[in-house]
Protein backbone atom coordinates (compact mmCIF):
# COMPACT_ATOMS: atom_id res chain seq x y z
CA UNK A 1 28.27 18.71 132.10
CA UNK A 2 30.62 15.87 133.29
CA UNK A 3 32.02 15.99 136.65
CA UNK A 4 35.76 15.59 137.62
CA UNK A 5 36.82 12.69 139.75
CA UNK A 6 39.68 13.94 141.73
CA UNK A 7 43.06 12.14 141.42
CA UNK A 8 42.60 11.32 145.14
CA UNK A 9 39.15 9.65 144.41
CA UNK A 10 40.53 7.76 141.60
CA UNK A 11 43.87 6.75 143.49
CA UNK A 12 41.73 5.32 146.29
CA UNK A 13 40.04 3.15 143.96
CA UNK A 14 43.34 2.13 142.26
CA UNK A 15 44.98 1.43 145.44
CA UNK A 16 42.42 -1.10 146.52
CA UNK A 17 43.22 -3.11 143.53
CA UNK A 18 47.12 -2.19 142.98
CA UNK A 19 48.61 -1.24 146.16
CA UNK A 20 51.36 1.49 145.71
CA UNK A 21 50.66 2.06 142.14
CA UNK A 22 49.74 5.52 142.62
CA UNK A 23 52.85 7.62 142.64
CA UNK A 24 51.12 11.12 143.30
CA UNK A 25 47.60 12.17 143.56
CA UNK A 26 45.96 15.55 144.00
CA UNK A 27 42.60 17.25 143.37
CA UNK A 28 43.26 17.31 139.61
CA UNK A 29 45.02 14.18 138.49
CA UNK A 30 46.59 10.76 139.48
CA UNK A 31 50.08 9.75 138.45
CA UNK A 32 51.09 6.18 138.16
CA UNK A 33 54.49 4.39 137.51
CA UNK A 34 54.89 3.53 133.92
CA UNK A 35 55.33 -0.22 134.69
CA UNK A 36 51.79 -0.03 136.15
CA UNK A 37 50.42 2.20 133.60
CA UNK A 38 48.77 -0.57 131.25
CA UNK A 39 47.24 -2.54 134.31
CA UNK A 40 46.01 0.64 136.06
CA UNK A 41 44.43 1.81 132.59
CA UNK A 42 42.92 -1.45 131.90
CA UNK A 43 41.34 -1.57 135.52
CA UNK A 44 39.95 2.25 134.93
CA UNK A 45 38.36 0.88 131.83
CA UNK A 46 36.80 -2.46 133.05
CA UNK A 47 35.79 -1.28 136.57
CA UNK A 48 32.03 -0.75 136.70
CA UNK A 49 32.10 2.27 138.95
CA UNK A 50 34.70 4.15 137.03
CA UNK A 51 33.71 2.78 133.34
CA UNK A 52 36.53 4.97 131.83
CA UNK A 53 35.67 3.48 128.15
CA UNK A 54 36.57 6.74 126.26
CA UNK A 55 40.03 8.11 125.98
CA UNK A 56 39.30 11.91 125.36
CA UNK A 57 43.15 12.92 124.81
CA UNK A 58 46.80 12.02 125.02
CA UNK A 59 49.43 14.77 125.32
CA UNK A 60 53.11 14.97 126.30
CA UNK A 61 54.71 17.60 128.50
CA UNK A 62 58.35 18.36 128.55
CA UNK A 63 59.42 19.32 132.20
CA UNK A 64 62.98 19.77 131.06
CA UNK A 65 64.41 16.70 133.19
CA UNK A 66 61.55 14.20 132.31
CA UNK A 67 58.50 13.88 130.27
CA UNK A 68 54.90 13.44 131.39
CA UNK A 69 52.32 11.80 129.38
CA UNK A 70 48.68 12.99 130.40
CA UNK A 71 45.50 10.86 129.56
CA UNK A 72 42.15 12.39 129.72
CA UNK A 73 39.56 9.83 130.56
CA UNK A 74 35.81 10.01 130.33
CA UNK A 75 32.81 7.70 131.43
CA UNK A 76 29.89 8.49 129.20
CA UNK A 77 27.54 6.10 131.17
CA UNK A 78 28.58 7.59 134.49
CA UNK A 79 29.14 11.26 133.37
CA UNK A 80 32.52 11.75 134.73
CA UNK A 81 36.11 12.63 133.83
CA UNK A 82 39.63 11.85 135.29
CA UNK A 83 43.18 12.72 134.41
CA UNK A 84 45.93 10.13 134.34
CA UNK A 85 49.60 10.79 134.18
CA UNK A 86 52.89 8.87 134.03
CA UNK A 87 56.63 10.04 133.90
CA UNK A 88 59.39 9.08 131.63
CA UNK A 89 62.29 10.02 133.61
CA UNK A 90 64.97 9.48 130.85
CA UNK A 91 64.93 12.73 129.03
CA UNK A 92 67.29 11.62 126.15
CA UNK A 93 65.22 8.64 125.30
CA UNK A 94 61.91 8.72 126.70
CA UNK A 95 59.80 5.56 126.60
CA UNK A 96 56.69 4.21 128.16
CA UNK A 97 54.20 1.50 127.25
CA UNK A 98 51.70 1.95 124.78
CA UNK A 99 47.81 2.12 125.74
CA UNK A 100 46.63 1.07 122.32
CA UNK A 101 45.81 -2.37 123.73
CA UNK A 102 43.36 -0.55 126.39
CA UNK A 103 41.95 2.11 124.09
CA UNK A 104 42.25 1.71 120.44
CA UNK A 105 41.90 5.62 120.03
CA UNK A 106 45.37 5.95 121.77
CA UNK A 107 46.82 4.89 118.21
CA UNK A 108 46.70 8.06 116.49
CA UNK A 109 47.21 10.16 119.68
CA UNK A 110 50.55 8.36 120.65
CA UNK A 111 51.89 8.64 117.09
CA UNK A 112 51.33 12.63 117.54
CA UNK A 113 53.04 12.53 120.96
CA UNK A 114 55.96 10.71 119.29
CA UNK A 115 56.25 12.81 116.31
CA UNK A 116 56.30 16.01 118.23
CA UNK A 117 57.81 14.98 121.33
CA UNK A 118 59.95 12.04 120.55
CA UNK A 119 58.41 9.73 123.42
CA UNK A 120 58.50 6.23 122.29
CA UNK A 121 55.39 4.06 123.14
CA UNK A 122 56.59 0.35 123.45
CA UNK A 123 54.19 -1.93 122.04
CA UNK A 124 52.33 0.59 119.74
CA UNK A 125 51.37 -1.23 116.50
CA UNK A 126 52.50 1.65 114.01
CA UNK A 127 54.73 4.07 115.66
CA UNK A 128 55.91 6.45 113.08
CA UNK A 129 55.59 10.18 112.29
CA UNK A 130 52.17 11.50 111.42
CA UNK A 131 52.91 15.22 110.77
CA UNK A 132 56.62 15.34 109.83
CA UNK A 133 58.57 13.48 107.50
CA UNK A 134 60.97 10.72 108.34
CA UNK A 135 64.25 11.95 108.94
CA UNK A 136 63.04 15.41 110.31
CA UNK A 137 65.71 16.55 112.74
CA UNK A 138 64.42 16.43 116.15
CA UNK A 139 60.95 16.89 117.98
CA UNK A 140 59.58 20.50 117.63
CA UNK A 141 57.61 20.61 120.93
CA UNK A 142 60.50 19.66 123.09
CA UNK A 143 61.91 22.69 124.94
CA UNK A 144 65.29 21.92 123.81
CA UNK A 145 64.21 22.02 120.18
CA UNK A 146 65.30 25.49 119.46
CA UNK A 147 69.13 24.02 119.19
CA UNK A 148 68.89 21.60 116.36
CA UNK A 149 71.45 19.26 115.01
CA UNK A 150 74.06 20.83 112.94
CA UNK A 151 73.69 24.31 114.64
CA UNK A 152 70.59 25.37 113.09
CA UNK A 153 68.05 27.02 114.84
CA UNK A 154 64.32 26.93 114.40
CA UNK A 155 62.01 29.72 115.24
CA UNK A 156 62.98 32.37 118.01
CA UNK A 157 66.51 32.36 119.55
CA UNK A 158 64.87 31.92 123.01
CA UNK A 159 61.44 31.38 124.47
CA UNK A 160 59.35 34.71 124.85
CA UNK A 161 59.61 34.57 128.72
CA UNK A 162 63.33 34.04 128.81
CA UNK A 163 65.47 36.80 129.75
């Protein structure tokens, strides 16, 4: 079983190379500014002590006022994992740099996040929908998707936990 490197441990290592790049860190994850994302990800991949050569997964999180993109990383040679986050503060038009140049495995996963959440990955070589068709109205994993264009509503009228 792989061991989790805490966000604090990864932040210390990143901070030595990129002072101020870590926006927030805790026992679970490290968050970096989007403008530092590609440089930090490249460092995490190429540093021999970290050796995060494998991108396990990419997902988007809708926080209502901003989006987070979460990257789960693994080093097979070091047998450890880490979680890297970044935030897109513009909820109407979320954008961030693509990590396809760092991990080729990000290509399909970033397309999925774009298709379902609407986060645009700048520099992605083929950013288009993967599940839904061109012209599909909206992004179904966004929390505000229940109110679609044209007054149409999909699924439930409210989230199950809402009063």
